[in-house]
Amino acid sequence: MTIVSISVNEELLEKFDETSARNGYSTRSEAIRDAMRAFVGDAELEIEGGENIAIISLIYAKGVNRAELIRVQHRFPEIQTMLHTHLDDKNCLEVYILKGEGERLKKLVREIRHIKAVKRVDFASNASNV
């Protein structure tokens, strides 16, 4: 097995270790491998061609300029509906319900992930291979 060295700040490492312990990981390496598998799986967005139903949820910093996010939203008529709520004084949550061709949905998710203010993006689809 290859050994990899990374740099992280102490606060993130403490939160990671606490989360790992809470979820039953016996070693940091085991938790990191699992996190890497999830990251790769999410990044690949293996949804089927043809019509799909999907949900995107994203958390972003409250108070940031939303212009880039709004431009993306308006370029994708696949967004059937949207919910916006304030999580706390620093974060907003948006949930999109999508219907459309798989490649277009993948493109939408990728564009949202590249918006600097977006902290987290989760994606769920009706595709059987997700």
N, C-alpha and C. Protein backbone atom coordinates (compact mmCIF):
# COMPACT_ATOMS: atom_id res chain seq x y z
N MET A 1 0.84 -1.17 0.00
CA MET A 1 0.00 0.00 0.00
C MET A 1 0.90 1.25 0.00
N THR A 2 0.51 2.26 -0.75
CA THR A 2 1.26 3.51 -0.84
C THR A 2 0.99 4.38 0.38
N ILE A 3 2.01 5.02 0.89
CA ILE A 3 1.87 5.96 2.00
C ILE A 3 1.78 7.36 1.42
N VAL A 4 0.78 8.13 1.88
CA VAL A 4 0.53 9.47 1.40
C VAL A 4 0.59 10.42 2.59
N SER A 5 1.26 11.54 2.41
CA SER A 5 1.34 12.55 3.46
C SER A 5 0.55 13.78 3.03
N ILE A 6 -0.27 14.33 3.95
CA ILE A 6 -1.04 15.53 3.65
C ILE A 6 -0.90 16.53 4.78
N SER A 7 -1.18 17.78 4.46
CA SER A 7 -1.18 18.84 5.48
C SER A 7 -2.61 19.31 5.69
N VAL A 8 -3.03 19.38 6.94
CA VAL A 8 -4.35 19.90 7.30
C VAL A 8 -4.22 20.72 8.56
N ASN A 9 -5.16 21.66 8.74
CA ASN A 9 -5.10 22.45 9.97
C ASN A 9 -5.62 21.62 11.15
N GLU A 10 -5.25 22.00 12.34
CA GLU A 10 -5.57 21.21 13.53
C GLU A 10 -7.07 21.08 13.77
N GLU A 11 -7.81 22.15 13.51
CA GLU A 11 -9.25 22.12 13.74
C GLU A 11 -9.92 21.07 12.86
N LEU A 12 -9.56 21.03 11.58
CA LEU A 12 -10.12 20.03 10.67
C LEU A 12 -9.73 18.62 11.09
N LEU A 13 -8.48 18.44 11.48
CA LEU A 13 -8.03 17.12 11.91
C LEU A 13 -8.77 16.65 13.15
N GLU A 14 -8.99 17.54 14.11
CA GLU A 14 -9.73 17.18 15.32
C GLU A 14 -11.16 16.76 14.97
N LYS A 15 -11.82 17.54 14.11
CA LYS A 15 -13.19 17.20 13.70
C LYS A 15 -13.22 15.87 12.95
N PHE A 16 -12.22 15.65 12.10
CA PHE A 16 -12.15 14.40 11.35
C PHE A 16 -11.98 13.22 12.30
N ASP A 17 -11.06 13.34 13.25
CA ASP A 17 -10.83 12.26 14.22
C ASP A 17 -12.07 11.98 15.06
N GLU A 18 -12.76 13.04 15.50
CA GLU A 18 -13.99 12.85 16.29
C GLU A 18 -15.06 12.15 15.46
N THR A 19 -15.23 12.58 14.23
CA THR A 19 -16.22 11.97 13.34
C THR A 19 -15.86 10.52 13.05
N SER A 20 -14.59 10.26 12.82
CA SER A 20 -14.12 8.89 12.55
C SER A 20 -14.43 7.97 13.73
N ALA A 21 -14.12 8.44 14.93
CA ALA A 21 -14.36 7.63 16.13
C ALA A 21 -15.86 7.37 16.31
N ARG A 22 -16.67 8.40 16.11
CA ARG A 22 -18.12 8.27 16.25
C ARG A 22 -18.69 7.27 15.26
N ASN A 23 -18.05 7.14 14.09
CA ASN A 23 -18.53 6.25 13.05
C ASN A 23 -17.84 4.88 13.07
N GLY A 24 -17.06 4.61 14.12
CA GLY A 24 -16.52 3.29 14.33
C GLY A 24 -15.25 2.94 13.57
N TYR A 25 -14.55 3.93 13.03
CA TYR A 25 -13.28 3.63 12.36
C TYR A 25 -12.21 3.39 13.40
N SER A 26 -11.44 2.34 13.21
CA SER A 26 -10.40 2.02 14.18
C SER A 26 -9.10 2.78 13.92
N THR A 27 -8.91 3.23 12.68
CA THR A 27 -7.70 4.00 12.36
C THR A 27 -8.05 5.19 11.48
N ARG A 28 -7.22 6.19 11.51
CA ARG A 28 -7.38 7.35 10.66
C ARG A 28 -7.27 6.94 9.19
N SER A 29 -6.36 6.04 8.87
CA SER A 29 -6.18 5.58 7.49
C SER A 29 -7.44 4.95 6.93
N GLU A 30 -8.09 4.14 7.76
CA GLU A 30 -9.33 3.48 7.33
C GLU A 30 -10.40 4.53 6.99
N ALA A 31 -10.52 5.53 7.82
CA ALA A 31 -11.51 6.59 7.60
C ALA A 31 -11.16 7.40 6.35
N ILE A 32 -9.90 7.70 6.15
CA ILE A 32 -9.48 8.48 4.98
C ILE A 32 -9.72 7.69 3.70
N ARG A 33 -9.43 6.40 3.71
CA ARG A 33 -9.69 5.57 2.52
C ARG A 33 -11.18 5.59 2.17
N ASP A 34 -12.04 5.45 3.20
CA ASP A 34 -13.47 5.46 2.97
C ASP A 34 -13.92 6.83 2.44
N ALA A 35 -13.37 7.90 3.02
CA ALA A 35 -13.71 9.25 2.55
C ALA A 35 -13.25 9.45 1.10
N MET A 36 -12.10 8.92 0.75
CA MET A 36 -11.60 9.03 -0.62
C MET A 36 -12.50 8.27 -1.59
N ARG A 37 -12.97 7.08 -1.20
CA ARG A 37 -13.87 6.31 -2.07
C ARG A 37 -15.17 7.10 -2.30
N ALA A 38 -15.71 7.71 -1.25
CA ALA A 38 -16.93 8.51 -1.38
C ALA A 38 -16.69 9.71 -2.29
N PHE A 39 -15.55 10.37 -2.12
CA PHE A 39 -15.20 11.53 -2.94
C PHE A 39 -15.12 11.14 -4.42
N VAL A 40 -14.45 10.04 -4.71
CA VAL A 40 -14.30 9.59 -6.10
C VAL A 40 -15.67 9.21 -6.67
N GLY A 41 -16.47 8.50 -5.89
CA GLY A 41 -17.80 8.11 -6.36
C GLY A 41 -18.67 9.32 -6.66
N ASP A 42 -18.65 10.31 -5.78
CA ASP A 42 -19.42 11.53 -6.01
C ASP A 42 -18.92 12.28 -7.23
N ALA A 43 -17.62 12.35 -7.39
CA ALA A 43 -17.04 13.09 -8.50
C ALA A 43 -17.38 12.47 -9.84
N GLU A 44 -17.53 11.15 -9.87
CA GLU A 44 -17.81 10.49 -11.13
C GLU A 44 -19.28 10.60 -11.54
N LEU A 45 -20.18 10.84 -10.60
CA LEU A 45 -21.60 11.02 -10.90
C LEU A 45 -22.11 10.05 -11.95
N GLU A 46 -22.06 8.80 -11.64
CA GLU A 46 -22.46 7.79 -12.61
C GLU A 46 -23.98 7.69 -12.68
N ILE A 47 -24.58 8.63 -13.40
CA ILE A 47 -26.02 8.54 -13.64
C ILE A 47 -26.24 8.11 -15.07
N GLU A 48 -27.40 7.56 -15.32
CA GLU A 48 -27.71 6.99 -16.62
C GLU A 48 -28.05 8.07 -17.63
N GLY A 49 -27.89 7.72 -18.91
CA GLY A 49 -28.37 8.59 -19.97
C GLY A 49 -29.88 8.59 -19.96
N GLY A 50 -30.47 9.42 -20.75
CA GLY A 50 -31.93 9.49 -20.79
C GLY A 50 -32.47 10.29 -19.61
N GLU A 51 -33.77 10.21 -19.42
CA GLU A 51 -34.46 11.00 -18.40
C GLU A 51 -34.14 10.50 -16.99
N ASN A 52 -33.80 11.41 -16.11
CA ASN A 52 -33.50 11.10 -14.71
C ASN A 52 -34.22 12.07 -13.80
N ILE A 53 -34.50 11.62 -12.61
CA ILE A 53 -35.00 12.47 -11.54
C ILE A 53 -33.88 12.52 -10.52
N ALA A 54 -33.55 13.70 -10.01
CA ALA A 54 -32.44 13.81 -9.07
C ALA A 54 -32.69 14.95 -8.10
N ILE A 55 -31.90 14.94 -7.04
CA ILE A 55 -31.93 16.00 -6.03
C ILE A 55 -30.49 16.46 -5.80
N ILE A 56 -30.30 17.76 -5.78
CA ILE A 56 -29.02 18.34 -5.40
C ILE A 56 -29.28 19.17 -4.15
N SER A 57 -28.46 18.97 -3.13
CA SER A 57 -28.50 19.87 -1.98
C SER A 57 -27.14 20.50 -1.85
N LEU A 58 -27.13 21.78 -1.53
CA LEU A 58 -25.86 22.47 -1.38
C LEU A 58 -25.91 23.43 -0.21
N ILE A 59 -24.76 23.57 0.42
CA ILE A 59 -24.59 24.52 1.51
C ILE A 59 -23.57 25.54 1.05
N TYR A 60 -23.91 26.80 1.26
CA TYR A 60 -22.97 27.85 0.88
C TYR A 60 -22.96 28.95 1.92
N ALA A 61 -21.93 29.76 1.86
CA ALA A 61 -21.73 30.83 2.84
C ALA A 61 -22.80 31.90 2.67
N LYS A 62 -23.48 32.20 3.75
CA LYS A 62 -24.51 33.23 3.76
C LYS A 62 -23.85 34.60 3.56
N GLY A 63 -24.50 35.44 2.78
CA GLY A 63 -23.99 36.80 2.60
C GLY A 63 -23.03 36.97 1.44
N VAL A 64 -22.69 35.89 0.75
CA VAL A 64 -21.78 36.01 -0.40
C VAL A 64 -22.57 36.48 -1.62
N ASN A 65 -21.87 36.96 -2.60
CA ASN A 65 -22.49 37.34 -3.86
C ASN A 65 -22.98 36.07 -4.55
N ARG A 66 -24.29 35.97 -4.75
CA ARG A 66 -24.90 34.77 -5.33
C ARG A 66 -25.00 34.83 -6.85
N ALA A 67 -24.40 35.83 -7.48
CA ALA A 67 -24.56 36.03 -8.92
C ALA A 67 -24.16 34.80 -9.73
N GLU A 68 -23.05 34.19 -9.39
CA GLU A 68 -22.59 33.02 -10.14
C GLU A 68 -23.57 31.85 -9.98
N LEU A 69 -24.06 31.64 -8.76
CA LEU A 69 -25.02 30.57 -8.51
C LEU A 69 -26.32 30.84 -9.28
N ILE A 70 -26.78 32.06 -9.28
CA ILE A 70 -28.02 32.41 -10.00
C ILE A 70 -27.85 32.22 -11.50
N ARG A 71 -26.69 32.59 -12.05
CA ARG A 71 -26.44 32.37 -13.48
C ARG A 71 -26.52 30.88 -13.82
N VAL A 72 -25.94 30.04 -12.99
CA VAL A 72 -26.00 28.59 -13.23
C VAL A 72 -27.44 28.11 -13.16
N GLN A 73 -28.17 28.55 -12.15
CA GLN A 73 -29.56 28.13 -12.00
C GLN A 73 -30.39 28.46 -13.24
N HIS A 74 -30.18 29.63 -13.79
CA HIS A 74 -30.99 30.07 -14.93
C HIS A 74 -30.59 29.40 -16.25
N ARG A 75 -29.43 28.81 -16.32
CA ARG A 75 -29.01 28.09 -17.53
C ARG A 75 -29.53 26.66 -17.58
N PHE A 76 -30.13 26.18 -16.49
CA PHE A 76 -30.57 24.79 -16.42
C PHE A 76 -32.07 24.68 -16.15
N PRO A 77 -32.87 24.58 -17.21
CA PRO A 77 -34.32 24.40 -17.01
C PRO A 77 -34.65 23.04 -16.38
N GLU A 78 -33.64 22.19 -16.23
CA GLU A 78 -33.86 20.89 -15.57
C GLU A 78 -34.21 21.08 -14.09
N ILE A 79 -33.94 22.25 -13.52
CA ILE A 79 -34.32 22.53 -12.14
C ILE A 79 -35.83 22.75 -12.12
N GLN A 80 -36.55 21.78 -11.55
CA GLN A 80 -38.01 21.85 -11.51
C GLN A 80 -38.51 22.74 -10.37
N THR A 81 -37.81 22.66 -9.25
CA THR A 81 -38.17 23.50 -8.10
C THR A 81 -36.95 23.65 -7.21
N MET A 82 -37.02 24.65 -6.33
CA MET A 82 -35.89 24.95 -5.46
C MET A 82 -36.40 25.38 -4.09
N LEU A 83 -35.68 24.96 -3.06
CA LEU A 83 -35.97 25.36 -1.69
C LEU A 83 -34.74 26.06 -1.13
N HIS A 84 -34.93 27.18 -0.48
CA HIS A 84 -33.82 27.91 0.13
C HIS A 84 -34.16 28.14 1.60
N THR A 85 -33.19 27.89 2.48
CA THR A 85 -33.40 28.17 3.90
C THR A 85 -32.08 28.60 4.54
N HIS A 86 -32.19 29.37 5.60
CA HIS A 86 -31.01 29.81 6.36
C HIS A 86 -30.76 28.80 7.46
N LEU A 87 -29.59 28.16 7.44
CA LEU A 87 -29.26 27.16 8.45
C LEU A 87 -28.87 27.81 9.77
N ASP A 88 -28.06 28.84 9.66
CA ASP A 88 -27.59 29.58 10.83
C ASP A 88 -27.11 30.94 10.35
N ASP A 89 -26.36 31.66 11.18
CA ASP A 89 -25.93 33.00 10.77
C ASP A 89 -24.80 32.99 9.74
N LYS A 90 -24.26 31.79 9.39
CA LYS A 90 -23.16 31.71 8.44
C LYS A 90 -23.46 30.90 7.19
N ASN A 91 -24.53 30.11 7.19
CA ASN A 91 -24.75 29.15 6.11
C ASN A 91 -26.19 29.13 5.60
N CYS A 92 -26.33 28.93 4.29
CA CYS A 92 -27.62 28.72 3.65
C CYS A 92 -27.64 27.33 3.03
N LEU A 93 -28.83 26.76 2.94
CA LEU A 93 -29.04 25.47 2.30
C LEU A 93 -29.99 25.68 1.13
N GLU A 94 -29.66 25.10 -0.01
CA GLU A 94 -30.58 25.08 -1.14
C GLU A 94 -30.72 23.64 -1.60
N VAL A 95 -31.95 23.28 -1.95
CA VAL A 95 -32.25 21.95 -2.46
C VAL A 95 -32.94 22.13 -3.81
N TYR A 96 -32.44 21.44 -4.82
CA TYR A 96 -33.01 21.49 -6.16
C TYR A 96 -33.58 20.13 -6.51
N ILE A 97 -34.78 20.12 -7.04
CA ILE A 97 -35.35 18.91 -7.59
C ILE A 97 -35.21 19.02 -9.11
N LEU A 98 -34.60 17.99 -9.69
CA LEU A 98 -34.22 18.04 -11.10
C LEU A 98 -34.93 16.96 -11.90
N LYS A 99 -35.16 17.25 -13.16
CA LYS A 99 -35.67 16.25 -14.09
C LYS A 99 -35.03 16.55 -15.43
N GLY A 100 -34.30 15.56 -15.96
CA GLY A 100 -33.68 15.80 -17.24
C GLY A 100 -32.70 14.72 -17.64
N GLU A 101 -32.06 14.97 -18.76
CA GLU A 101 -31.09 14.04 -19.33
C GLU A 101 -29.86 13.96 -18.45
N GLY A 102 -29.34 12.75 -18.28
CA GLY A 102 -28.23 12.49 -17.36
C GLY A 102 -27.02 13.38 -17.55
N GLU A 103 -26.59 13.59 -18.78
CA GLU A 103 -25.40 14.41 -19.02
C GLU A 103 -25.61 15.85 -18.59
N ARG A 104 -26.81 16.37 -18.80
CA ARG A 104 -27.11 17.74 -18.37
C ARG A 104 -27.09 17.85 -16.84
N LEU A 105 -27.61 16.84 -16.15
CA LEU A 105 -27.60 16.86 -14.69
C LEU A 105 -26.18 16.80 -14.16
N LYS A 106 -25.34 15.98 -14.79
CA LYS A 106 -23.92 15.92 -14.38
C LYS A 106 -23.26 17.27 -14.58
N LYS A 107 -23.54 17.91 -15.69
CA LYS A 107 -22.94 19.22 -15.97
C LYS A 107 -23.37 20.24 -14.92
N LEU A 108 -24.64 20.22 -14.54
CA LEU A 108 -25.14 21.14 -13.52
C LEU A 108 -24.41 20.93 -12.19
N VAL A 109 -24.29 19.68 -11.76
CA VAL A 109 -23.61 19.39 -10.50
C VAL A 109 -22.16 19.87 -10.55
N ARG A 110 -21.47 19.61 -11.64
CA ARG A 110 -20.07 20.03 -11.77
C ARG A 110 -19.94 21.55 -11.70
N GLU A 111 -20.84 22.25 -12.36
CA GLU A 111 -20.78 23.71 -12.34
C GLU A 111 -21.01 24.26 -10.94
N ILE A 112 -21.96 23.68 -10.23
CA ILE A 112 -22.22 24.12 -8.85
C ILE A 112 -21.01 23.85 -7.97
N ARG A 113 -20.38 22.70 -8.14
CA ARG A 113 -19.21 22.35 -7.33
C ARG A 113 -18.04 23.31 -7.55
N HIS A 114 -17.99 23.99 -8.69
CA HIS A 114 -16.90 24.91 -8.97
C HIS A 114 -17.16 26.34 -8.50
N ILE A 115 -18.31 26.58 -7.90
CA ILE A 115 -18.61 27.90 -7.37
C ILE A 115 -17.92 28.05 -6.03
N LYS A 116 -17.12 29.07 -5.90
CA LYS A 116 -16.25 29.23 -4.74
C LYS A 116 -17.01 29.28 -3.41
N ALA A 117 -18.15 29.94 -3.35
CA ALA A 117 -18.88 30.09 -2.09
C ALA A 117 -19.55 28.80 -1.63
N VAL A 118 -19.69 27.82 -2.52
CA VAL A 118 -20.37 26.56 -2.18
C VAL A 118 -19.42 25.69 -1.36
N LYS A 119 -19.88 25.33 -0.17
CA LYS A 119 -19.06 24.54 0.75
C LYS A 119 -19.27 23.03 0.59
N ARG A 120 -20.49 22.65 0.22
CA ARG A 120 -20.80 21.22 0.13
C ARG A 120 -21.90 21.00 -0.89
N VAL A 121 -21.78 19.94 -1.67
CA VAL A 121 -22.79 19.56 -2.64
C VAL A 121 -23.06 18.07 -2.48
N ASP A 122 -24.33 17.72 -2.33
CA ASP A 122 -24.72 16.31 -2.29
C ASP A 122 -25.70 16.07 -3.43
N PHE A 123 -25.64 14.86 -3.99
CA PHE A 123 -26.41 14.53 -5.17
C PHE A 123 -27.02 13.14 -4.99
N ALA A 124 -28.30 13.02 -5.33
CA ALA A 124 -28.96 11.72 -5.31
C ALA A 124 -29.80 11.61 -6.57
N SER A 125 -29.81 10.39 -7.15
CA SER A 125 -30.52 10.18 -8.42
C SER A 125 -31.30 8.88 -8.36
N ASN A 126 -32.27 8.77 -9.24
CA ASN A 126 -33.02 7.53 -9.36
C ASN A 126 -32.28 6.47 -10.15
N ALA A 127 -31.11 6.81 -10.69
CA ALA A 127 -30.34 5.86 -11.50
C ALA A 127 -29.94 4.64 -10.65
N SER A 128 -30.05 3.49 -11.23
CA SER A 128 -29.78 2.25 -10.48
C SER A 128 -28.30 2.06 -10.15
N ASN A 129 -27.41 2.74 -10.86
CA ASN A 129 -25.98 2.54 -10.61
C ASN A 129 -25.37 3.63 -9.74
N VAL A 130 -26.19 4.40 -9.05
CA VAL A 130 -25.66 5.43 -8.15
C VAL A 130 -25.52 4.84 -6.77
